Protein backbone atom coordinates (compact mmCIF):
# COMPACT_ATOMS: atom_id res chain seq x y z
CA MET A 1 110.38 -38.24 -41.55
CA TYR A 2 108.39 -35.66 -43.49
CA ILE A 3 106.08 -38.37 -44.89
CA LYS A 4 105.52 -39.88 -41.42
CA THR A 5 104.67 -36.46 -39.96
CA LEU A 6 102.28 -35.76 -42.81
CA PHE A 7 100.61 -39.14 -42.30
CA ASN A 8 100.15 -38.48 -38.57
CA PHE A 9 98.65 -35.07 -39.36
CA PHE A 10 96.05 -36.54 -41.71
CA ALA A 11 95.31 -39.33 -39.24
CA LEU A 12 94.61 -36.80 -36.51
CA PHE A 13 92.54 -34.73 -38.95
CA LEU A 14 90.42 -37.73 -39.90
CA CYS A 15 89.98 -38.66 -36.25
CA GLY A 16 88.82 -35.10 -35.57
CA LEU A 17 86.25 -35.38 -38.36
CA ALA A 18 84.97 -38.62 -36.89
CA TYR A 19 84.83 -37.07 -33.43
CA ALA A 20 82.81 -34.14 -34.71
CA GLN A 21 80.35 -36.18 -36.79
CA THR A 22 76.74 -35.18 -36.17
CA TYR A 23 73.73 -37.38 -36.93
CA GLU A 24 70.10 -36.40 -37.47
CA ILE A 25 67.59 -39.16 -36.71
CA LEU A 26 63.82 -38.93 -37.20
CA TYR A 27 61.42 -41.24 -35.33
CA THR A 28 57.82 -42.21 -36.08
CA SER A 29 55.28 -43.15 -33.38
CA SER A 30 52.57 -45.79 -33.64
CA TYR A 31 50.02 -47.38 -31.35
CA ASN A 32 48.66 -50.91 -31.72
CA GLY A 33 50.30 -51.10 -35.13
CA LYS A 34 48.74 -47.90 -36.45
CA VAL A 35 50.92 -44.88 -37.22
CA LEU A 36 49.65 -41.89 -35.27
CA THR A 37 48.18 -39.32 -37.63
CA GLU A 38 49.09 -35.63 -37.52
CA GLN A 39 52.15 -36.41 -35.42
CA SER A 40 55.30 -34.37 -35.55
CA PRO A 41 58.22 -36.83 -35.81
CA THR A 42 60.65 -36.92 -32.90
CA LEU A 43 64.00 -35.45 -33.92
CA VAL A 44 67.39 -36.26 -32.43
CA TRP A 45 70.64 -34.43 -33.13
CA ALA A 46 73.57 -36.38 -31.77
CA ASP A 47 77.35 -36.28 -31.75
CA SER A 48 80.02 -37.46 -29.34
CA LYS A 49 79.65 -34.40 -27.10
CA GLU A 50 75.86 -33.97 -26.73
CA ASN A 51 72.44 -35.09 -27.89
CA PHE A 52 69.35 -32.94 -28.41
CA ILE A 53 65.85 -34.45 -28.34
CA LEU A 54 63.01 -32.36 -29.78
CA SER A 55 60.42 -32.62 -32.55
CA ASN A 56 60.26 -31.61 -36.18
CA ALA A 57 57.59 -29.02 -35.30
CA ILE A 58 59.96 -27.42 -32.78
CA ARG A 59 62.76 -27.37 -35.37
CA GLU A 60 60.39 -25.60 -37.78
CA GLN A 61 59.25 -23.32 -34.93
CA LYS A 62 55.64 -24.38 -35.42
CA SER A 63 55.10 -26.10 -32.06
CA ASP A 64 52.39 -24.93 -29.67
CA TYR A 65 53.48 -23.69 -26.26
CA PRO A 66 54.57 -25.11 -23.91
CA PHE A 67 57.16 -27.46 -25.37
CA GLU A 68 60.40 -29.07 -24.23
CA ILE A 69 63.87 -29.78 -25.59
CA THR A 70 66.14 -32.27 -23.83
CA LYS A 71 69.93 -32.16 -23.99
CA ILE A 72 72.21 -34.98 -22.81
CA GLU A 73 75.75 -33.81 -22.09
CA LYS A 74 78.57 -36.34 -22.54
CA PRO A 75 80.43 -38.03 -20.99
CA SER A 76 78.73 -36.98 -17.71
CA ASN A 77 75.26 -38.06 -18.95
CA THR A 78 73.79 -34.92 -17.45
CA VAL A 79 70.23 -34.33 -18.62
CA VAL A 80 69.46 -30.66 -19.22
CA SER A 81 65.77 -29.92 -19.78
CA TYR A 82 64.54 -26.74 -21.45
CA ALA A 83 60.88 -25.75 -21.19
CA PHE A 84 59.52 -23.03 -23.47
CA LEU A 85 56.50 -21.84 -21.50
CA LYS A 86 55.56 -18.98 -23.83
CA PRO A 87 57.43 -16.66 -26.21
CA GLY A 88 60.48 -15.29 -24.42
CA ASP A 89 59.90 -17.39 -21.30
CA ILE A 90 62.37 -20.30 -21.10
CA ILE A 91 63.31 -22.26 -18.00
CA SER A 92 65.84 -25.05 -17.55
CA SER A 93 66.90 -27.65 -15.02
CA SER A 94 69.63 -30.29 -14.93
CA ASP A 95 69.82 -33.85 -13.62
CA ALA A 96 73.17 -35.63 -13.39
CA GLU A 97 71.89 -38.82 -11.72
CA SER A 98 68.87 -40.34 -13.50
CA ILE A 99 70.68 -41.94 -16.47
CA GLY A 100 73.23 -43.59 -14.20
CA LYS A 101 70.44 -45.17 -12.15
CA GLN A 102 68.84 -46.94 -15.12
CA THR A 103 69.02 -50.74 -15.06
CA PHE A 104 68.42 -53.12 -17.95
CA GLU A 105 68.14 -56.81 -18.67
CA LEU A 106 70.37 -57.39 -21.71
CA THR A 107 69.13 -60.11 -24.08
CA ASN A 108 70.62 -62.07 -26.95
CA GLU A 109 67.88 -60.99 -29.37
CA THR A 110 68.96 -59.03 -32.42
CA LYS A 111 67.40 -57.43 -35.50
CA LYS A 112 68.20 -54.80 -38.08
CA ILE A 113 66.67 -51.33 -38.15
CA LEU A 114 67.48 -49.14 -41.17
CA GLY A 115 70.32 -51.56 -41.90
CA TYR A 116 71.94 -51.22 -38.47
CA HIS A 117 72.56 -54.27 -36.28
CA CYS A 118 70.54 -53.83 -33.06
CA LYS A 119 70.35 -55.61 -29.72
CA LYS A 120 67.41 -55.68 -27.29
CA ALA A 121 67.39 -54.58 -23.65
CA ILE A 122 64.41 -54.64 -21.28
CA THR A 123 63.53 -52.46 -18.31
CA LYS A 124 60.45 -51.82 -16.18
CA ILE A 125 59.20 -48.39 -15.16
CA ASN A 126 56.07 -47.90 -13.02
CA SER A 127 54.72 -51.36 -13.96
CA ASN A 128 55.36 -50.68 -17.68
CA THR A 129 57.59 -53.07 -19.63
CA ILE A 130 59.93 -51.16 -21.93
CA GLU A 131 61.86 -52.90 -24.72
CA ILE A 132 64.77 -50.95 -26.17
CA TRP A 133 66.57 -51.75 -29.43
CA TYR A 134 69.99 -50.12 -29.69
CA THR A 135 72.98 -50.25 -32.03
CA ASN A 136 76.70 -49.75 -31.49
CA ASP A 137 77.37 -49.30 -35.21
CA LEU A 138 77.18 -45.51 -35.03
CA LYS A 139 79.97 -45.38 -32.40
CA ILE A 140 78.01 -42.81 -30.33
CA ASN A 141 75.23 -42.99 -27.77
CA GLY A 142 71.83 -41.38 -28.02
CA GLY A 143 68.13 -41.96 -28.67
CA PRO A 144 64.62 -40.45 -28.67
CA SER A 145 64.41 -40.32 -24.85
CA VAL A 146 66.72 -40.43 -21.85
CA LEU A 147 66.23 -44.22 -21.66
CA GLY A 148 69.17 -46.32 -22.79
CA GLN A 149 71.62 -43.49 -23.32
CA ASN A 150 74.40 -45.67 -21.88
CA LEU A 151 73.66 -48.69 -24.09
CA GLY A 152 74.46 -47.31 -27.53
CA PHE A 153 72.24 -45.53 -30.01
CA VAL A 154 68.55 -46.35 -29.40
CA LEU A 155 66.61 -46.80 -32.63
CA GLU A 156 63.37 -48.22 -31.23
CA ILE A 157 61.43 -48.18 -27.95
CA GLU A 158 58.31 -50.27 -27.36
CA ARG A 159 56.11 -49.92 -24.26
CA ASN A 160 53.81 -52.76 -23.19
CA LYS A 161 53.81 -54.25 -26.70
CA ASN A 162 51.46 -51.55 -27.99
CA SER A 163 53.19 -48.13 -28.02
CA LEU A 164 56.13 -47.86 -30.40
CA ILE A 165 58.60 -45.19 -31.47
CA THR A 166 61.07 -46.26 -34.15
CA ALA A 167 63.72 -44.57 -36.27
CA SER A 168 62.53 -43.78 -39.80
CA SER A 169 65.65 -42.06 -41.15
CA ILE A 170 69.30 -41.46 -40.24
CA LYS A 171 71.59 -39.01 -41.96
CA LYS A 172 74.82 -37.17 -41.36
CA ILE A 173 74.67 -33.38 -41.15
CA LYS A 174 77.25 -30.64 -40.81
CA LYS A 175 75.37 -28.39 -38.40
CA THR A 176 72.24 -28.41 -36.26
CA ASP A 177 69.71 -25.59 -35.90
CA ILE A 178 69.78 -25.66 -32.11
CA ASP A 179 71.34 -22.19 -31.73
CA SER A 180 68.40 -20.62 -33.54
CA ILE A 181 65.94 -22.36 -31.17
CA ILE A 182 67.54 -22.11 -27.72
CA LYS A 183 68.37 -18.43 -27.61
CA GLY A 184 67.79 -15.49 -25.33
CA SER A 185 67.53 -15.54 -21.56
CA VAL A 186 67.07 -18.93 -19.86
CA GLN A 187 66.00 -19.03 -16.21
CA SER A 188 67.51 -21.97 -14.27
CA THR A 189 65.53 -23.66 -11.51
CA ASP A 190 65.59 -26.85 -9.47
CA LEU A 191 63.98 -29.98 -10.91
CA SER A 192 60.79 -29.88 -8.84
CA GLY A 193 60.32 -26.17 -9.59
CA TYR A 194 60.87 -26.86 -13.28
CA LYS A 195 58.24 -29.60 -13.35
CA ASP A 196 55.75 -27.43 -11.46
CA LEU A 197 56.18 -24.41 -13.76
CA LEU A 198 55.94 -26.60 -16.86
CA TRP A 199 52.82 -28.37 -15.56
CA LYS A 200 51.06 -25.12 -14.69
CA SER A 201 51.89 -23.62 -18.09
CA ARG A 202 49.87 -26.37 -19.79
CA PHE A 203 46.54 -24.92 -18.65
CA THR A 204 44.90 -21.61 -17.77
CA THR A 205 44.30 -20.90 -14.09
CA LEU A 206 41.72 -18.42 -12.85
CA LYS A 207 42.42 -17.63 -9.20
CA VAL A 208 39.15 -16.79 -7.47
CA PHE A 209 39.76 -17.00 -3.71
CA GLU A 210 42.94 -17.63 -1.75
CA ASN A 211 42.59 -18.74 1.88
CA GLU A 212 39.45 -16.63 2.27
CA THR A 213 37.27 -16.78 5.39
CA ILE A 214 33.62 -17.83 5.18
CA ASN A 215 32.03 -17.28 8.57
CA PHE A 216 29.09 -15.67 10.35
CA SER A 217 29.98 -12.33 11.89
CA ASP A 218 28.91 -8.71 11.80
CA GLU A 219 32.59 -7.93 11.39
CA SER A 220 32.80 -9.65 7.98
CA LYS A 221 33.25 -6.84 5.48
CA SER A 222 33.88 -6.60 1.75
CA ASN A 223 37.17 -5.31 0.40
CA GLU A 224 38.41 -4.22 -3.02
CA ASN A 225 38.97 -7.82 -4.11
CA VAL A 226 36.24 -9.87 -2.41
CA ARG A 227 32.65 -8.96 -1.63
CA LYS A 228 30.98 -10.52 1.39
CA TYR A 229 27.27 -10.92 2.00
CA ALA A 230 24.91 -12.46 4.56
CA ASN A 231 27.26 -11.76 7.51
CA GLY A 232 30.21 -13.29 5.69
CA THR A 233 28.66 -16.63 4.73
CA ILE A 234 28.83 -15.65 1.04
CA ILE A 235 31.99 -14.50 -0.73
CA LEU A 236 31.90 -13.14 -4.27
CA LYS A 237 34.38 -12.01 -6.89
CA LYS A 238 34.07 -10.92 -10.52
CA ILE A 239 36.03 -13.17 -12.89
CA LYS A 240 36.77 -12.68 -16.59
CA PHE A 241 36.63 -16.00 -18.45
CA PRO A 242 38.58 -16.33 -21.70
CA ALA A 243 37.03 -17.68 -24.88
CA ILE A 244 36.95 -21.43 -24.23
CA LYS A 245 37.42 -23.52 -27.35
CA GLU A 246 35.78 -26.78 -28.33
CA GLY A 247 37.77 -29.63 -26.84
CA GLU A 248 38.86 -27.64 -23.78
CA ASN A 249 37.82 -28.90 -20.36
CA ILE A 250 36.95 -26.81 -17.30
CA PHE A 251 37.56 -27.83 -13.68
CA VAL A 252 36.63 -26.15 -10.44
CA GLU A 253 38.71 -26.87 -7.35
CA VAL A 254 38.06 -25.95 -3.72
CA LYS A 255 40.36 -26.49 -0.75
CA GLN A 256 38.65 -26.07 2.62
CA GLN A 257 39.62 -26.21 6.29
CA SER A 258 37.78 -25.51 9.49
CA ASN A 259 38.75 -22.21 11.08
CA GLY A 260 36.58 -22.82 14.13
CA ASP A 261 33.34 -24.49 12.99
CA ALA A 262 33.29 -28.16 14.02
CA TYR A 263 30.27 -29.26 11.99
CA ASP A 264 29.46 -30.63 8.55
CA ARG A 265 27.94 -27.82 6.49
CA THR A 266 26.39 -27.37 3.08
CA GLY A 267 28.69 -25.61 0.63
CA THR A 268 28.26 -24.48 -2.95
CA VAL A 269 30.28 -22.79 -5.67
CA PHE A 270 28.13 -20.79 -8.08
CA PHE A 271 28.14 -18.08 -10.69
CA ILE A 272 25.51 -15.51 -11.50
CA PRO A 273 24.12 -15.31 -15.05
CA GLN A 274 23.41 -11.76 -16.09
CA ASP A 275 21.49 -12.50 -19.27
CA LYS A 276 18.18 -11.08 -18.03
CA ALA A 277 16.88 -7.89 -16.46
CA SER A 278 17.18 -9.29 -12.93
CA SER A 279 19.82 -11.56 -11.43
CA PHE A 280 20.76 -13.20 -8.14
CA PHE A 281 23.24 -10.39 -7.67
CA ASP A 282 20.32 -7.97 -7.24
CA GLY A 283 19.15 -10.05 -4.28
CA LEU A 284 22.59 -9.93 -2.71
CA GLU A 285 22.74 -6.16 -3.09
CA LYS A 286 19.13 -5.27 -2.29
CA GLY A 287 17.83 -8.22 -0.26
CA ALA A 288 16.44 -11.67 -1.03
CA LYS A 289 12.84 -10.44 -1.08
CA THR A 290 13.53 -8.28 -4.12
CA LEU A 291 13.87 -11.45 -6.21
CA PRO A 292 10.97 -13.24 -7.95
CA VAL A 293 8.94 -15.33 -5.53
CA TYR A 294 7.97 -19.00 -5.93
CA GLU A 295 4.95 -20.40 -4.07
CA ASN A 296 3.80 -24.00 -3.85
CA GLY A 297 0.64 -23.50 -1.78
CA ASN A 298 2.06 -24.06 1.70
CA GLY A 299 1.95 -20.35 2.54
CA LYS A 300 5.70 -19.80 2.34
CA HIS A 301 7.58 -17.60 -0.08
CA TYR A 302 10.75 -18.87 -1.76
CA TYR A 303 12.72 -16.06 -3.33
CA GLY A 304 15.01 -16.31 -6.34
CA VAL A 305 14.87 -20.09 -6.79
CA THR A 306 13.28 -20.48 -10.25
CA THR A 307 13.72 -18.93 -13.67
CA THR A 308 11.23 -16.39 -14.95
CA GLU A 309 10.95 -14.36 -18.13
CA ASN A 310 13.13 -11.65 -16.56
CA TYR A 311 15.22 -13.58 -14.01
CA SER A 312 17.82 -16.37 -14.03
CA PRO A 313 18.80 -18.12 -10.78
CA ALA A 314 22.42 -18.71 -9.79
CA ILE A 315 24.06 -21.62 -11.62
CA GLU A 316 25.65 -24.14 -9.27
CA MET A 317 29.11 -25.25 -10.33
CA MET A 318 29.74 -27.59 -7.42
CA ARG A 319 27.93 -28.84 -4.32
CA PHE A 320 30.28 -29.80 -1.50
CA PHE A 321 30.02 -30.57 2.19
CA THR A 322 32.51 -29.59 4.83
CA ALA A 323 33.93 -32.29 7.05
CA PHE A 324 33.62 -32.26 10.84
CA GLY A 325 36.28 -29.78 11.92
CA ILE A 326 39.14 -30.73 9.60
CA GLN A 327 42.50 -29.19 10.65
CA LYS A 328 41.17 -26.95 13.42
CA PHE A 329 40.12 -29.96 15.51
CA ASN A 330 42.96 -32.31 14.54
CA HIS A 331 44.08 -32.16 18.18
CA ILE A 332 41.28 -34.64 18.97
CA GLN A 333 43.37 -37.80 19.08
CA LEU A 334 42.16 -41.32 18.41
CA LYS A 335 44.49 -44.29 18.24
CA GLY A 336 45.21 -45.28 14.64
CA LYS A 337 43.68 -42.09 13.21
CA ASP A 338 46.02 -39.73 11.36
CA TRP A 339 43.71 -36.87 10.40
CA GLN A 340 43.87 -35.20 7.00
CA THR A 341 44.64 -31.48 7.09
CA ILE A 342 42.59 -30.21 4.15
CA SER A 343 39.44 -31.21 2.27
CA PRO A 344 40.03 -31.12 -1.50
CA TYR A 345 37.03 -30.88 -3.83
CA ARG A 346 37.61 -31.01 -7.59
CA GLN A 347 35.02 -31.40 -10.33
CA ASP A 348 34.74 -31.32 -14.11
CA ILE A 349 32.21 -28.61 -15.11
CA THR A 350 32.87 -28.59 -18.88
CA GLU A 351 29.15 -28.89 -19.60
CA LEU A 352 28.71 -25.32 -18.30
CA LYS A 353 31.13 -23.93 -20.90
CA PRO A 354 28.42 -22.12 -22.94
CA SER A 355 27.56 -19.96 -19.93
CA LEU A 356 31.20 -19.22 -19.06
CA SER A 357 33.12 -18.73 -22.29
CA ASP A 358 34.25 -15.16 -22.97
CA LYS A 359 32.09 -13.74 -20.16
CA GLU A 360 32.76 -11.64 -17.09
CA LEU A 361 30.77 -13.12 -14.22
CA TRP A 362 30.34 -12.98 -10.47
CA VAL A 363 31.67 -16.23 -9.01
CA GLY A 364 30.79 -17.03 -5.42
CA ALA A 365 31.05 -19.58 -2.63
CA PHE A 366 28.71 -20.19 0.29
CA ILE A 367 29.01 -22.33 3.42
CA GLY A 368 25.97 -22.35 5.68
CA ASN A 369 27.28 -21.80 9.22
CA TYR A 370 26.73 -19.66 12.29
CA ASP A 371 30.30 -19.69 13.58
CA LYS A 372 32.28 -16.45 13.98
CA ASP A 373 35.50 -18.19 12.87
CA GLY A 374 33.89 -20.43 10.27
CA HIS A 375 36.01 -21.90 7.48
CA LYS A 376 38.99 -21.10 5.26
CA VAL A 377 38.48 -21.60 1.52
CA SER A 378 40.61 -21.41 -1.61
CA LEU A 379 39.00 -21.62 -5.03
CA GLU A 380 40.39 -21.75 -8.55
CA ILE A 381 39.08 -22.64 -11.98
CA THR A 382 41.33 -24.27 -14.55
CA ILE A 383 40.89 -24.62 -18.32
CA HIS A 384 42.68 -27.47 -20.09
CA LYS A 385 43.28 -28.41 -23.71
CA SER A 386 41.99 -31.94 -24.13
CA ASP A 387 41.03 -34.57 -26.67
CA GLN A 388 38.12 -35.64 -24.47
CA THR A 389 34.79 -34.40 -25.81
CA VAL A 390 32.20 -35.93 -23.47
CA TYR A 391 30.16 -32.73 -23.33
CA LYS A 392 29.15 -31.39 -26.73
CA ASN A 393 26.30 -29.09 -25.70
CA ASN A 394 26.37 -25.48 -26.84
CA THR A 395 23.56 -24.33 -24.54
CA ALA A 396 23.22 -24.17 -20.74
CA ILE A 397 19.98 -22.64 -19.38
CA PRO A 398 19.51 -22.21 -15.61
CA LEU A 399 16.08 -23.43 -14.47
CA PHE A 400 16.16 -23.65 -10.66
CA ASN A 401 18.38 -23.55 -7.61
CA THR A 402 16.66 -24.05 -4.25
CA LEU A 403 19.82 -23.97 -2.15
CA ASN A 404 19.27 -21.16 0.35
CA ILE A 405 22.53 -19.35 -0.36
CA MET A 406 21.16 -16.23 1.33
CA GLU A 407 19.99 -18.21 4.37
CA MET A 408 21.61 -15.73 6.77
CA ALA A 409 19.96 -12.86 4.87
CA GLY A 410 16.40 -14.16 5.05
CA GLN A 411 16.17 -16.74 2.25
CA ASP A 412 14.05 -19.68 3.42
CA TYR A 413 15.04 -23.35 3.44
CA SER A 414 13.82 -25.39 0.47
CA THR A 415 10.77 -26.98 2.07
CA MET A 416 8.52 -26.61 -0.98
CA PHE A 417 8.39 -30.39 -1.45
CA ASP A 418 5.90 -30.76 1.40
CA GLN A 419 3.13 -30.21 -1.18
CA ASP A 420 2.30 -32.35 -4.21
CA LYS A 421 3.20 -29.43 -6.49
CA GLY A 422 6.77 -29.58 -5.29
CA LEU A 423 8.96 -27.42 -7.51
CA PHE A 424 7.28 -26.32 -10.73
CA VAL A 425 9.15 -24.34 -13.39
CA GLU A 426 7.92 -22.85 -16.65
CA PHE A 427 10.44 -21.94 -19.35
CA THR A 428 10.43 -20.95 -23.00
CA LEU A 429 12.89 -22.16 -25.64
CA LYS A 430 13.54 -19.73 -28.47
CA LYS A 431 14.97 -22.51 -30.63
CA ASP A 432 14.72 -26.29 -30.82
CA LEU A 433 17.03 -28.01 -28.35
CA LYS A 434 18.63 -31.30 -29.44
CA ASN A 435 19.86 -34.00 -27.05
CA ALA A 436 18.51 -32.11 -24.06
CA GLN A 437 19.68 -33.09 -20.58
CA LEU A 438 18.88 -31.84 -17.11
CA ARG A 439 22.01 -31.31 -15.01
CA TYR A 440 20.43 -32.12 -11.66
CA ILE A 441 22.10 -31.87 -8.24
CA THR A 442 20.11 -33.02 -5.21
CA THR A 443 20.78 -33.50 -1.50
CA GLY A 444 18.34 -34.19 1.33
CA HIS A 445 18.55 -32.48 4.71
CA GLY A 446 17.00 -32.85 8.14
CA GLY A 447 19.61 -33.72 10.70
CA TRP A 448 17.73 -35.94 13.13
CA GLU A 449 16.81 -39.61 13.13
CA ASN A 450 13.62 -39.17 11.09
CA GLY A 451 14.93 -36.34 8.95
CA ASP A 452 15.28 -36.69 5.18
CA GLU A 453 19.07 -36.56 5.55
CA PHE A 454 18.87 -40.17 6.76
CA ILE A 455 15.71 -41.39 5.00
CA PRO A 456 15.90 -42.49 1.33
CA LYS A 457 13.37 -40.56 -0.76
CA ILE A 458 12.42 -40.84 -4.44
CA ASN A 459 13.18 -37.79 -6.61
CA SER A 460 10.81 -37.62 -9.59
CA ILE A 461 11.30 -35.39 -12.65
CA LEU A 462 8.30 -34.55 -14.84
CA LEU A 463 8.70 -32.84 -18.21
CA ASP A 464 5.58 -31.20 -19.65
CA GLY A 465 3.49 -33.12 -17.12
CA LYS A 466 4.89 -36.57 -17.96
CA MET A 467 7.13 -38.65 -15.71
CA THR A 468 10.61 -38.60 -17.22
CA PHE A 469 12.96 -39.90 -14.56
CA SER A 470 12.89 -41.04 -10.93
CA PHE A 471 15.57 -42.32 -8.60
CA ILE A 472 16.62 -42.45 -4.95
CA PRO A 473 19.69 -40.27 -4.37
CA TRP A 474 21.77 -41.94 -1.69
CA ARG A 475 25.41 -42.20 -0.53
CA SER A 476 26.57 -45.31 1.33
CA ASP A 477 30.33 -44.63 1.14
CA CYS A 478 30.59 -41.94 3.83
CA GLY A 479 32.76 -44.10 6.07
CA SER A 480 35.52 -43.83 3.46
CA TYR A 481 36.12 -40.24 4.59
CA ARG A 482 36.50 -40.81 8.34
CA LEU A 483 40.04 -39.38 8.38
CA TYR A 484 38.71 -36.02 7.16
CA ASN A 485 36.37 -35.74 10.17
CA PRO A 486 38.28 -35.35 13.44
CA ALA A 487 35.36 -33.75 15.30
CA SER A 488 32.79 -36.33 14.21
CA GLY A 489 31.02 -37.85 17.21
CA ASN A 490 31.46 -41.54 18.03
CA PHE A 491 28.43 -43.64 18.96
CA PRO A 492 28.05 -46.67 21.29
CA ASP A 493 27.54 -48.92 18.26
CA GLY A 494 31.10 -48.26 17.07
CA LEU A 495 30.11 -45.94 14.23
CA SER A 496 30.88 -42.26 13.85
CA SER A 497 28.44 -39.64 12.62
CA SER A 498 30.54 -39.16 9.47
CA ASP A 499 30.18 -42.91 8.70
CA LEU A 500 26.41 -42.78 8.32
CA SER A 501 24.82 -43.08 4.88
CA ARG A 502 22.96 -40.00 3.73
CA SER A 503 20.69 -38.54 1.07
CA ASN A 504 23.34 -38.11 -1.64
CA TRP A 505 26.08 -36.50 0.42
CA CYS A 506 28.83 -37.27 2.90
CA PRO A 507 30.80 -34.96 5.21
CA GLY A 508 33.94 -33.94 3.30
CA THR A 509 32.82 -34.80 -0.25
CA VAL A 510 31.45 -33.40 -3.51
CA THR A 511 27.95 -34.35 -4.64
CA ASN A 512 28.06 -35.19 -8.32
CA PRO A 513 25.31 -34.00 -10.68
CA ASN A 514 22.95 -36.42 -12.40
CA PHE A 515 22.54 -35.95 -16.15
CA ILE A 516 18.94 -36.79 -16.98
CA PRO A 517 18.16 -37.30 -20.70
CA LEU A 518 15.13 -35.34 -21.91
CA GLY A 519 15.32 -36.03 -25.66
CA ASP A 520 14.84 -33.34 -28.31
CA LEU A 521 12.74 -30.35 -27.22
CA LYS A 522 10.84 -28.12 -29.63
CA ALA A 523 10.95 -24.35 -29.44
CA GLY A 524 8.19 -22.89 -27.30
CA LYS A 525 6.86 -23.21 -23.75
CA HIS A 526 7.68 -26.16 -21.50
CA THR A 527 7.28 -27.12 -17.85
CA LEU A 528 9.54 -29.08 -15.53
CA GLN A 529 8.47 -30.37 -12.15
CA VAL A 530 10.45 -31.94 -9.29
CA LYS A 531 8.55 -34.01 -6.74
CA ILE A 532 10.02 -35.42 -3.51
CA PRO A 533 7.97 -36.91 -0.62
CA GLN A 534 9.44 -34.56 1.96
CA GLY A 535 9.15 -35.80 5.54
CA ALA A 536 6.99 -34.09 8.13
CA SER A 537 8.41 -31.74 10.75
CA GLU A 538 8.90 -32.82 14.34
CA GLY A 539 8.85 -29.92 16.81
CA THR A 540 11.39 -27.41 15.58
CA SER A 541 13.09 -29.97 13.32
CA PHE A 542 12.20 -30.03 9.62
CA SER A 543 13.41 -31.56 6.36
CA SER A 544 14.40 -29.80 3.15
CA TRP A 545 15.88 -30.61 -0.26
CA ASN A 546 18.50 -28.55 -2.02
CA VAL A 547 18.12 -29.12 -5.76
CA SER A 548 19.56 -27.25 -8.72
CA GLY A 549 18.88 -27.77 -12.39
CA VAL A 550 20.46 -26.53 -15.60
CA LEU A 551 19.07 -27.46 -19.02
CA LEU A 552 21.78 -28.60 -21.44
CA GLY A 553 21.64 -29.30 -25.16
CA SER A 554 22.49 -28.05 -28.62
CA GLN A 555 20.63 -25.34 -30.54
């Protein structure tokens, strides 16, 4: 009896040891047969009660923020996600359903991984074919992701025959380090809130304007946060940009709705360089006519549009065009038309990094309108870590900006192209400029049948008196944005005004810049000239061209 009792005790003891056994598995990632360099191996701690999925860098507390740890609780298969947004800021969310919803095609294929007998299962996720190799030899379930947690222990996952994560080592351990990693206060949230907070923590957001009005009214006044100029058609705010590292990308995003204005209007997002004695800000504060004047021989004066030795024009981040009455006029019903409620404009402006990084600058937005209710605008700038290095310039020099941002404060329309001289700019480089490019934004205007808005015109760029580039800026895709234009007029021919092709713009869209190669430029004086065969006026109707140019390159 004593011997039998002792035997049962040891049997239970050994079963307890088996139940408490913890495994540590490391996984290596590869792509198209090549092991990814500088990777931190995926790390899994697993026992019969729970699995933790993290990385070796997280275990060593060397991971960059934000990072995640996933826990799978057994036997419920509840997925608990932990996001470490920054030091001391941890959020979590749980999901008790996703693992149970997974479906697999079980195959008869087998192979050995690290000496363990494995079977293959196949699933499809968002048009991706996923092959999972799992073993039942370890007597517990787990793996490097939430996929296949019910199958056994996953030792390899292959996606679309090119992306592979496979176990490189398995060992038994007595204790994990998880208590030294997940510690302190953890804020629980729902799954969608968790994903949103994690996503936003991956980049820096500079909030500029939030649902701000741009209109035309004597009642538009500045406040402690936002300055308003030209009867409210310009809004301005000072923004401190962080030091932006090589490899980081910058995006500007505008969300716009009509607040009363039914028409398509020119809009721009800009910032004001303050690297010279005079700036565009001086014109806003003291009047457009205090800025340097440009003359082309037609008798008109164009203030603040070109660089001089002591003045830099505003740098245009984004050119956009409001749609016909989006949101405010959505009550105009047409069969089969479900109007959009907001116009989103988003653009990569990484090439302007040299003029933004570690600077405090006035950032502004303008919409040319004469409506007392005008438009509602939100604007933010985001900075993202990225492996994409399309723009490698370290210099951005503003040369010209003819958009009449201060139109409602006396700045004239850009009609200087009615003379052969067009727009002529002189500038001096202090150093040689390699791989120079002109970041050139152009749109034609003149809103009647013979106006340049609807007539293709050649834009010619001359550098130091020699033709460098010419093209016809034109947009023929405007009809794609019909659902953003509820107040657009319909014509007898079955077209709407917003359908019509235009000189490089459409109602409700962004106009992308052209990047014109200029080669290597030597230090010293240079000239740049823009010529456009601007159409003649008819009565009170006239044509104009809004062009902006920034010189990019490396010094």
